[in-house]
Amino acid sequence: MSITVRFFASLRDRIGRESVEIEVNGLDCVQDVWKALVKQEPDARVLAAINARHAALDAKIQDGDEIAFFPPVTGG
Protein backbone atom coordinates (compact mmCIF):
# COMPACT_ATOMS: atom_id res chain seq x y z
CA MET A 1 0.00 0.00 0.00
CA SER A 2 1.44 3.35 -1.04
CA ILE A 3 0.43 6.89 -0.09
CA THR A 4 1.71 10.41 -0.65
CA VAL A 5 2.37 12.58 2.39
CA ARG A 6 2.63 16.37 2.15
CA PHE A 7 3.83 18.86 4.75
CA PHE A 8 2.77 22.52 4.66
CA ALA A 9 4.00 25.84 6.08
CA SER A 10 6.10 25.62 9.23
CA LEU A 11 5.79 21.83 9.29
CA ARG A 12 7.48 21.66 5.89
CA ASP A 13 10.35 23.72 7.31
CA ARG A 14 10.50 21.63 10.48
CA ILE A 15 10.43 18.27 8.67
CA GLY A 16 12.74 19.44 5.90
CA ARG A 17 10.69 18.20 2.97
CA GLU A 18 7.54 19.10 1.10
CA SER A 19 6.30 15.63 0.23
CA VAL A 20 7.23 11.98 0.27
CA GLU A 21 5.72 8.82 -1.14
CA ILE A 22 5.83 5.90 1.28
CA GLU A 23 4.79 2.29 1.61
CA VAL A 24 2.45 2.04 4.56
CA ASN A 25 2.22 -1.67 5.18
CA GLY A 26 1.34 -2.07 8.85
CA LEU A 27 0.25 1.56 9.27
CA ASP A 28 -3.42 1.93 10.04
CA CYS A 29 -4.25 5.60 10.58
CA VAL A 30 -3.01 9.17 10.02
CA GLN A 31 -1.24 9.27 13.39
CA ASP A 32 0.71 6.09 12.50
CA VAL A 33 1.97 7.82 9.34
CA TRP A 34 3.12 10.86 11.32
CA LYS A 35 4.95 8.71 13.88
CA ALA A 36 6.63 6.64 11.14
CA LEU A 37 7.96 9.76 9.38
CA VAL A 38 8.65 12.16 12.27
CA LYS A 39 9.57 9.55 14.90
CA GLN A 40 7.47 11.18 17.62
CA GLU A 41 3.87 11.68 18.69
CA PRO A 42 2.10 14.46 16.77
CA ASP A 43 1.80 17.76 18.59
CA ALA A 44 -1.82 18.40 19.60
CA ARG A 45 -1.84 21.39 17.22
CA VAL A 46 -0.96 19.37 14.09
CA LEU A 47 -3.88 19.19 11.68
CA ALA A 48 -4.35 16.58 8.98
CA ALA A 49 -6.29 15.98 5.80
CA ILE A 50 -6.92 12.90 3.69
CA ASN A 51 -7.47 13.61 0.00
CA ALA A 52 -8.00 17.34 0.72
CA ARG A 53 -10.64 16.74 3.41
CA HIS A 54 -10.00 17.50 7.07
CA ALA A 55 -9.33 14.27 9.01
CA ALA A 56 -8.82 13.29 12.63
CA LEU A 57 -5.47 11.79 13.55
CA ASP A 58 -7.18 8.44 14.15
CA ALA A 59 -8.77 8.40 10.66
CA LYS A 60 -8.07 5.22 8.69
CA ILE A 61 -5.87 5.39 5.60
CA GLN A 62 -6.20 3.53 2.31
CA ASP A 63 -3.98 2.71 -0.63
CA GLY A 64 -3.45 5.75 -2.86
CA ASP A 65 -4.48 8.34 -0.26
CA GLU A 66 -2.80 11.72 -0.06
CA ILE A 67 -2.21 12.70 3.56
CA ALA A 68 -1.44 16.35 4.36
CA PHE A 69 -0.13 17.70 7.64
CA PHE A 70 -0.32 21.40 8.43
CA PRO A 71 -0.16 23.75 11.41
CA PRO A 72 -3.28 25.48 12.72
CA VAL A 73 -4.43 28.34 10.53
CA THR A 74 -4.66 31.69 12.23
CA GLY A 75 -5.82 35.01 10.98
CA GLY A 76 -6.09 38.52 12.10
PDB file of N, CA and C in Angstrom:
ATOM      1  N   MET A   1       0.850  -1.167   0.000  1.00  0.00           N
ATOM      2  CA  MET A   1       0.000   0.000   0.000  1.00  0.00           C
ATOM      3  C   MET A   1       0.899   1.234   0.000  1.00  0.00           C
ATOM      4  N   SER A   2       0.621   2.153  -0.881  1.00  0.00           N
ATOM      5  CA  SER A   2       1.442   3.352  -1.043  1.00  0.00           C
ATOM      6  C   SER A   2       0.581   4.602  -0.912  1.00  0.00           C
ATOM      7  N   ILE A   3       1.115   5.611  -0.217  1.00  0.00           N
ATOM      8  CA  ILE A   3       0.426   6.892  -0.091  1.00  0.00           C
ATOM      9  C   ILE A   3       1.424   8.024  -0.306  1.00  0.00           C
ATOM     10  N   THR A   4       0.895   9.204  -0.574  1.00  0.00           N
ATOM     11  CA  THR A   4       1.708  10.411  -0.653  1.00  0.00           C
ATOM     12  C   THR A   4       1.437  11.235   0.596  1.00  0.00           C
ATOM     13  N   VAL A   5       2.502  11.751   1.195  1.00  0.00           N
ATOM     14  CA  VAL A   5       2.374  12.575   2.394  1.00  0.00           C
ATOM     15  C   VAL A   5       2.947  13.947   2.083  1.00  0.00           C
ATOM     16  N   ARG A   6       2.202  14.987   2.378  1.00  0.00           N
ATOM     17  CA  ARG A   6       2.633  16.367   2.148  1.00  0.00           C
ATOM     18  C   ARG A   6       2.691  17.121   3.476  1.00  0.00           C
ATOM     19  N   PHE A   7       3.675  18.012   3.582  1.00  0.00           N
ATOM     20  CA  PHE A   7       3.830  18.863   4.752  1.00  0.00           C
ATOM     21  C   PHE A   7       3.725  20.310   4.298  1.00  0.00           C
ATOM     22  N   PHE A   8       2.993  21.134   5.047  1.00  0.00           N
ATOM     23  CA  PHE A   8       2.772  22.516   4.665  1.00  0.00           C
ATOM     24  C   PHE A   8       3.286  23.492   5.713  1.00  0.00           C
ATOM     25  N   ALA A   9       3.621  24.695   5.238  1.00  0.00           N
ATOM     26  CA  ALA A   9       4.002  25.844   6.076  1.00  0.00           C
ATOM     27  C   ALA A   9       5.147  25.497   7.017  1.00  0.00           C
ATOM     28  N   SER A  10       5.003  25.827   8.278  1.00  0.00           N
ATOM     29  CA  SER A  10       6.103  25.623   9.229  1.00  0.00           C
ATOM     30  C   SER A  10       6.442  24.148   9.417  1.00  0.00           C
ATOM     31  N   LEU A  11       5.473  23.259   9.193  1.00  0.00           N
ATOM     32  CA  LEU A  11       5.793  21.826   9.294  1.00  0.00           C
ATOM     33  C   LEU A  11       6.742  21.399   8.191  1.00  0.00           C
ATOM     34  N   ARG A  12       6.566  21.957   7.006  1.00  0.00           N
ATOM     35  CA  ARG A  12       7.477  21.663   5.894  1.00  0.00           C
ATOM     36  C   ARG A  12       8.893  22.081   6.275  1.00  0.00           C
ATOM     37  N   ASP A  13       9.030  23.245   6.880  1.00  0.00           N
ATOM     38  CA  ASP A  13      10.349  23.723   7.313  1.00  0.00           C
ATOM     39  C   ASP A  13      10.912  22.836   8.415  1.00  0.00           C
ATOM     40  N   ARG A  14      10.067  22.465   9.355  1.00  0.00           N
ATOM     41  CA  ARG A  14      10.504  21.634  10.478  1.00  0.00           C
ATOM     42  C   ARG A  14      10.926  20.225  10.041  1.00  0.00           C
ATOM     43  N   ILE A  15      10.155  19.630   9.140  1.00  0.00           N
ATOM     44  CA  ILE A  15      10.433  18.268   8.671  1.00  0.00           C
ATOM     45  C   ILE A  15      11.563  18.258   7.646  1.00  0.00           C
ATOM     46  N   GLY A  16      11.670  19.339   6.882  1.00  0.00           N
ATOM     47  CA  GLY A  16      12.736  19.441   5.899  1.00  0.00           C
ATOM     48  C   GLY A  16      12.399  18.877   4.531  1.00  0.00           C
ATOM     49  N   ARG A  17      11.124  18.644   4.297  1.00  0.00           N
ATOM     50  CA  ARG A  17      10.687  18.203   2.967  1.00  0.00           C
ATOM     51  C   ARG A  17       9.237  18.571   2.736  1.00  0.00           C
ATOM     52  N   GLU A  18       8.895  18.710   1.467  1.00  0.00           N
ATOM     53  CA  GLU A  18       7.538  19.103   1.103  1.00  0.00           C
ATOM     54  C   GLU A  18       6.616  17.901   0.979  1.00  0.00           C
ATOM     55  N   SER A  19       7.132  16.820   0.397  1.00  0.00           N
ATOM     56  CA  SER A  19       6.303  15.629   0.232  1.00  0.00           C
ATOM     57  C   SER A  19       7.183  14.390   0.129  1.00  0.00           C
ATOM     58  N   VAL A  20       6.546  13.266   0.362  1.00  0.00           N
ATOM     59  CA  VAL A  20       7.228  11.984   0.271  1.00  0.00           C
ATOM     60  C   VAL A  20       6.182  10.925  -0.064  1.00  0.00           C
ATOM     61  N   GLU A  21       6.579   9.956  -0.848  1.00  0.00           N
ATOM     62  CA  GLU A  21       5.715   8.822  -1.138  1.00  0.00           C
ATOM     63  C   GLU A  21       6.244   7.650  -0.332  1.00  0.00           C
ATOM     64  N   ILE A  22       5.364   6.991   0.421  1.00  0.00           N
ATOM     65  CA  ILE A  22       5.825   5.904   1.278  1.00  0.00           C
ATOM     66  C   ILE A  22       4.940   4.666   1.149  1.00  0.00           C
ATOM     67  N   GLU A  23       5.530   3.541   1.459  1.00  0.00           N
ATOM     68  CA  GLU A  23       4.791   2.292   1.610  1.00  0.00           C
ATOM     69  C   GLU A  23       4.280   2.264   3.039  1.00  0.00           C
ATOM     70  N   VAL A  24       3.032   1.959   3.232  1.00  0.00           N
ATOM     71  CA  VAL A  24       2.454   2.039   4.562  1.00  0.00           C
ATOM     72  C   VAL A  24       1.958   0.691   5.080  1.00  0.00           C
ATOM     73  N   ASN A  25       2.588  -0.359   4.668  1.00  0.00           N
ATOM     74  CA  ASN A  25       2.219  -1.667   5.185  1.00  0.00           C
ATOM     75  C   ASN A  25       2.373  -1.669   6.703  1.00  0.00           C
ATOM     76  N   GLY A  26       1.316  -2.041   7.392  1.00  0.00           N
ATOM     77  CA  GLY A  26       1.340  -2.068   8.847  1.00  0.00           C
ATOM     78  C   GLY A  26       0.911  -0.765   9.497  1.00  0.00           C
ATOM     79  N   LEU A  27       0.729   0.292   8.719  1.00  0.00           N
ATOM     80  CA  LEU A  27       0.249   1.561   9.273  1.00  0.00           C
ATOM     81  C   LEU A  27      -1.252   1.621   9.043  1.00  0.00           C
ATOM     82  N   ASP A  28      -1.974   2.019  10.074  1.00  0.00           N
ATOM     83  CA  ASP A  28      -3.421   1.932  10.043  1.00  0.00           C
ATOM     84  C   ASP A  28      -4.128   3.277   9.909  1.00  0.00           C
ATOM     85  N   CYS A  29      -3.551   4.321  10.531  1.00  0.00           N
ATOM     86  CA  CYS A  29      -4.247   5.604  10.581  1.00  0.00           C
ATOM     87  C   CYS A  29      -3.259   6.762  10.365  1.00  0.00           C
ATOM     88  N   VAL A  30      -3.797   7.963  10.276  1.00  0.00           N
ATOM     89  CA  VAL A  30      -3.010   9.167  10.018  1.00  0.00           C
ATOM     90  C   VAL A  30      -1.906   9.335  11.063  1.00  0.00           C
ATOM     91  N   GLN A  31      -2.239   9.117  12.321  1.00  0.00           N
ATOM     92  CA  GLN A  31      -1.244   9.269  13.388  1.00  0.00           C
ATOM     93  C   GLN A  31      -0.085   8.282  13.215  1.00  0.00           C
ATOM     94  N   ASP A  32      -0.348   7.075  12.752  1.00  0.00           N
ATOM     95  CA  ASP A  32       0.711   6.095  12.500  1.00  0.00           C
ATOM     96  C   ASP A  32       1.676   6.603  11.434  1.00  0.00           C
ATOM     97  N   VAL A  33       1.131   7.262  10.410  1.00  0.00           N
ATOM     98  CA  VAL A  33       1.967   7.822   9.339  1.00  0.00           C
ATOM     99  C   VAL A  33       2.878   8.899   9.909  1.00  0.00           C
ATOM    100  N   TRP A  34       2.319   9.803  10.707  1.00  0.00           N
ATOM    101  CA  TRP A  34       3.123  10.865  11.324  1.00  0.00           C
ATOM    102  C   TRP A  34       4.266  10.264  12.141  1.00  0.00           C
ATOM    103  N   LYS A  35       3.932   9.303  13.005  1.00  0.00           N
ATOM    104  CA  LYS A  35       4.947   8.711  13.876  1.00  0.00           C
ATOM    105  C   LYS A  35       6.023   7.988  13.070  1.00  0.00           C
ATOM    106  N   ALA A  36       5.650   7.349  11.974  1.00  0.00           N
ATOM    107  CA  ALA A  36       6.627   6.642  11.143  1.00  0.00           C
ATOM    108  C   ALA A  36       7.600   7.615  10.478  1.00  0.00           C
ATOM    109  N   LEU A  37       7.118   8.793  10.083  1.00  0.00           N
ATOM    110  CA  LEU A  37       7.964   9.764   9.384  1.00  0.00           C
ATOM    111  C   LEU A  37       8.714  10.705  10.319  1.00  0.00           C
ATOM    112  N   VAL A  38       8.082  11.129  11.392  1.00  0.00           N
ATOM    113  CA  VAL A  38       8.650  12.156  12.268  1.00  0.00           C
ATOM    114  C   VAL A  38       9.314  11.536  13.501  1.00  0.00           C
ATOM    115  N   LYS A  39       8.982  10.295  13.777  1.00  0.00           N
ATOM    116  CA  LYS A  39       9.572   9.549  14.899  1.00  0.00           C
ATOM    117  C   LYS A  39       9.178  10.106  16.256  1.00  0.00           C
ATOM    118  N   GLN A  40       7.995  10.710  16.344  1.00  0.00           N
ATOM    119  CA  GLN A  40       7.472  11.182  17.623  1.00  0.00           C
ATOM    120  C   GLN A  40       5.964  11.324  17.508  1.00  0.00           C
ATOM    121  N   GLU A  41       5.318  11.453  18.665  1.00  0.00           N
ATOM    122  CA  GLU A  41       3.873  11.677  18.690  1.00  0.00           C
ATOM    123  C   GLU A  41       3.571  13.030  18.053  1.00  0.00           C
ATOM    124  N   PRO A  42       2.449  13.157  17.342  1.00  0.00           N
ATOM    125  CA  PRO A  42       2.102  14.464  16.773  1.00  0.00           C
ATOM    126  C   PRO A  42       1.730  15.453  17.873  1.00  0.00           C
ATOM    127  N   ASP A  43       2.174  16.667  17.706  1.00  0.00           N
ATOM    128  CA  ASP A  43       1.797  17.764  18.586  1.00  0.00           C
ATOM    129  C   ASP A  43       0.280  17.925  18.486  1.00  0.00           C
ATOM    130  N   ALA A  44      -0.361  18.259  19.578  1.00  0.00           N
ATOM    131  CA  ALA A  44      -1.821  18.399  19.596  1.00  0.00           C
ATOM    132  C   ALA A  44      -2.315  19.441  18.601  1.00  0.00           C
ATOM    133  N   ARG A  45      -1.434  20.338  18.157  1.00  0.00           N
ATOM    134  CA  ARG A  45      -1.843  21.388  17.218  1.00  0.00           C
ATOM    135  C   ARG A  45      -1.708  20.967  15.755  1.00  0.00           C
ATOM    136  N   VAL A  46      -1.118  19.822  15.478  1.00  0.00           N
ATOM    137  CA  VAL A  46      -0.958  19.368  14.093  1.00  0.00           C
ATOM    138  C   VAL A  46      -2.319  18.984  13.533  1.00  0.00           C
ATOM    139  N   LEU A  47      -2.633  19.520  12.368  1.00  0.00           N
ATOM    140  CA  LEU A  47      -3.879  19.193  11.675  1.00  0.00           C
ATOM    141  C   LEU A  47      -3.560  18.290  10.495  1.00  0.00           C
ATOM    142  N   ALA A  48      -4.564  17.527  10.073  1.00  0.00           N
ATOM    143  CA  ALA A  48      -4.347  16.584   8.980  1.00  0.00           C
ATOM    144  C   ALA A  48      -5.532  16.595   8.023  1.00  0.00           C
ATOM    145  N   ALA A  49      -5.250  16.151   6.805  1.00  0.00           N
ATOM    146  CA  ALA A  49      -6.293  15.978   5.799  1.00  0.00           C
ATOM    147  C   ALA A  49      -5.993  14.705   5.017  1.00  0.00           C
ATOM    148  N   ILE A  50      -7.041  14.045   4.588  1.00  0.00           N
ATOM    149  CA  ILE A  50      -6.919  12.899   3.691  1.00  0.00           C
ATOM    150  C   ILE A  50      -7.630  13.286   2.410  1.00  0.00           C
ATOM    151  N   ASN A  51      -6.894  13.270   1.304  1.00  0.00           N
ATOM    152  CA  ASN A  51      -7.468  13.614  -0.001  1.00  0.00           C
ATOM    153  C   ASN A  51      -8.200  14.953   0.037  1.00  0.00           C
ATOM    154  N   ALA A  52      -7.532  15.947   0.654  1.00  0.00           N
ATOM    155  CA  ALA A  52      -7.999  17.337   0.717  1.00  0.00           C
ATOM    156  C   ALA A  52      -9.245  17.540   1.582  1.00  0.00           C
ATOM    157  N   ARG A  53      -9.519  16.590   2.469  1.00  0.00           N
ATOM    158  CA  ARG A  53     -10.638  16.740   3.409  1.00  0.00           C
ATOM    159  C   ARG A  53     -10.100  16.587   4.815  1.00  0.00           C
ATOM    160  N   HIS A  54     -10.456  17.539   5.691  1.00  0.00           N
ATOM    161  CA  HIS A  54      -9.995  17.495   7.075  1.00  0.00           C
ATOM    162  C   HIS A  54     -10.226  16.101   7.660  1.00  0.00           C
ATOM    163  N   ALA A  55      -9.235  15.604   8.420  1.00  0.00           N
ATOM    164  CA  ALA A  55      -9.335  14.271   9.013  1.00  0.00           C
ATOM    165  C   ALA A  55      -8.767  14.277  10.422  1.00  0.00           C
ATOM    166  N   ALA A  56      -9.348  13.480  11.274  1.00  0.00           N
ATOM    167  CA  ALA A  56      -8.820  13.288  12.626  1.00  0.00           C
ATOM    168  C   ALA A  56      -7.556  12.441  12.537  1.00  0.00           C
ATOM    169  N   LEU A  57      -6.713  12.552  13.549  1.00  0.00           N
ATOM    170  CA  LEU A  57      -5.472  11.790  13.547  1.00  0.00           C
ATOM    171  C   LEU A  57      -5.718  10.286  13.622  1.00  0.00           C
ATOM    172  N   ASP A  58      -6.886   9.868  14.089  1.00  0.00           N
ATOM    173  CA  ASP A  58      -7.180   8.439  14.147  1.00  0.00           C
ATOM    174  C   ASP A  58      -7.951   7.938  12.915  1.00  0.00           C
ATOM    175  N   ALA A  59      -8.077   8.789  11.890  1.00  0.00           N
ATOM    176  CA  ALA A  59      -8.765   8.397  10.657  1.00  0.00           C
ATOM    177  C   ALA A  59      -7.976   7.312   9.930  1.00  0.00           C
ATOM    178  N   LYS A  60      -8.686   6.340   9.411  1.00  0.00           N
ATOM    179  CA  LYS A  60      -8.069   5.221   8.690  1.00  0.00           C
ATOM    180  C   LYS A  60      -7.543   5.684   7.340  1.00  0.00           C
ATOM    181  N   ILE A  61      -6.450   5.068   6.903  1.00  0.00           N
ATOM    182  CA  ILE A  61      -5.867   5.385   5.599  1.00  0.00           C
ATOM    183  C   ILE A  61      -6.055   4.213   4.650  1.00  0.00           C
ATOM    184  N   GLN A  62      -6.031   4.537   3.344  1.00  0.00           N
ATOM    185  CA  GLN A  62      -6.204   3.528   2.307  1.00  0.00           C
ATOM    186  C   GLN A  62      -5.143   3.713   1.235  1.00  0.00           C
ATOM    187  N   ASP A  63      -4.930   2.673   0.469  1.00  0.00           N
ATOM    188  CA  ASP A  63      -3.978   2.713  -0.629  1.00  0.00           C
ATOM    189  C   ASP A  63      -4.301   3.885  -1.558  1.00  0.00           C
ATOM    190  N   GLY A  64      -3.282   4.645  -1.925  1.00  0.00           N
ATOM    191  CA  GLY A  64      -3.450   5.754  -2.856  1.00  0.00           C
ATOM    192  C   GLY A  64      -3.838   7.070  -2.223  1.00  0.00           C
ATOM    193  N   ASP A  65      -4.102   7.088  -0.924  1.00  0.00           N
ATOM    194  CA  ASP A  65      -4.481   8.336  -0.257  1.00  0.00           C
ATOM    195  C   ASP A  65      -3.355   9.366  -0.318  1.00  0.00           C
ATOM    196  N   GLU A  66      -3.745  10.633  -0.251  1.00  0.00           N
ATOM    197  CA  GLU A  66      -2.798  11.722  -0.055  1.00  0.00           C
ATOM    198  C   GLU A  66      -3.084  12.294   1.327  1.00  0.00           C
ATOM    199  N   ILE A  67      -2.094  12.197   2.199  1.00  0.00           N
ATOM    200  CA  ILE A  67      -2.209  12.700   3.556  1.00  0.00           C
ATOM    201  C   ILE A  67      -1.465  14.028   3.622  1.00  0.00           C
ATOM    202  N   ALA A  68      -2.090  15.034   4.191  1.00  0.00           N
ATOM    203  CA  ALA A  68      -1.436  16.349   4.362  1.00  0.00           C
ATOM    204  C   ALA A  68      -1.415  16.691   5.837  1.00  0.00           C
ATOM    205  N   PHE A  69      -0.273  17.207   6.269  1.00  0.00           N
ATOM    206  CA  PHE A  69      -0.128  17.697   7.637  1.00  0.00           C
ATOM    207  C   PHE A  69       0.144  19.188   7.568  1.00  0.00           C
ATOM    208  N   PHE A  70      -0.515  19.957   8.437  1.00  0.00           N
ATOM    209  CA  PHE A  70      -0.324  21.404   8.429  1.00  0.00           C
ATOM    210  C   PHE A  70      -0.562  21.959   9.825  1.00  0.00           C
ATOM    211  N   PRO A  71       0.044  23.111  10.109  1.00  0.00           N
ATOM    212  CA  PRO A  71      -0.163  23.750  11.411  1.00  0.00           C
ATOM    213  C   PRO A  71      -1.538  24.423  11.440  1.00  0.00           C
ATOM    214  N   PRO A  72      -2.014  24.763  12.627  1.00  0.00           N
ATOM    215  CA  PRO A  72      -3.283  25.477  12.715  1.00  0.00           C
ATOM    216  C   PRO A  72      -3.242  26.774  11.913  1.00  0.00           C
ATOM    217  N   VAL A  73      -4.347  27.115  11.310  1.00  0.00           N
ATOM    218  CA  VAL A  73      -4.431  28.345  10.533  1.00  0.00           C
ATOM    219  C   VAL A  73      -4.926  29.446  11.459  1.00  0.00           C
ATOM    220  N   THR A  74      -4.229  30.555  11.428  1.00  0.00           N
ATOM    221  CA  THR A  74      -4.659  31.694  12.233  1.00  0.00           C
ATOM    222  C   THR A  74      -4.841  32.908  11.323  1.00  0.00           C
ATOM    223  N   GLY A  75      -5.596  33.809  11.774  1.00  0.00           N
ATOM    224  CA  GLY A  75      -5.817  35.014  10.978  1.00  0.00           C
ATOM    225  C   GLY A  75      -5.904  36.222  11.887  1.00  0.00           C
ATOM    226  N   GLY A  76      -6.002  37.348  11.262  1.00  0.00           N
ATOM    227  CA  GLY A  76      -6.090  38.522  12.102  1.00  0.00           C
ATOM    228  C   GLY A  76      -6.502  39.728  11.331  1.00  0.00           C
TER     229      GLY A  76
END
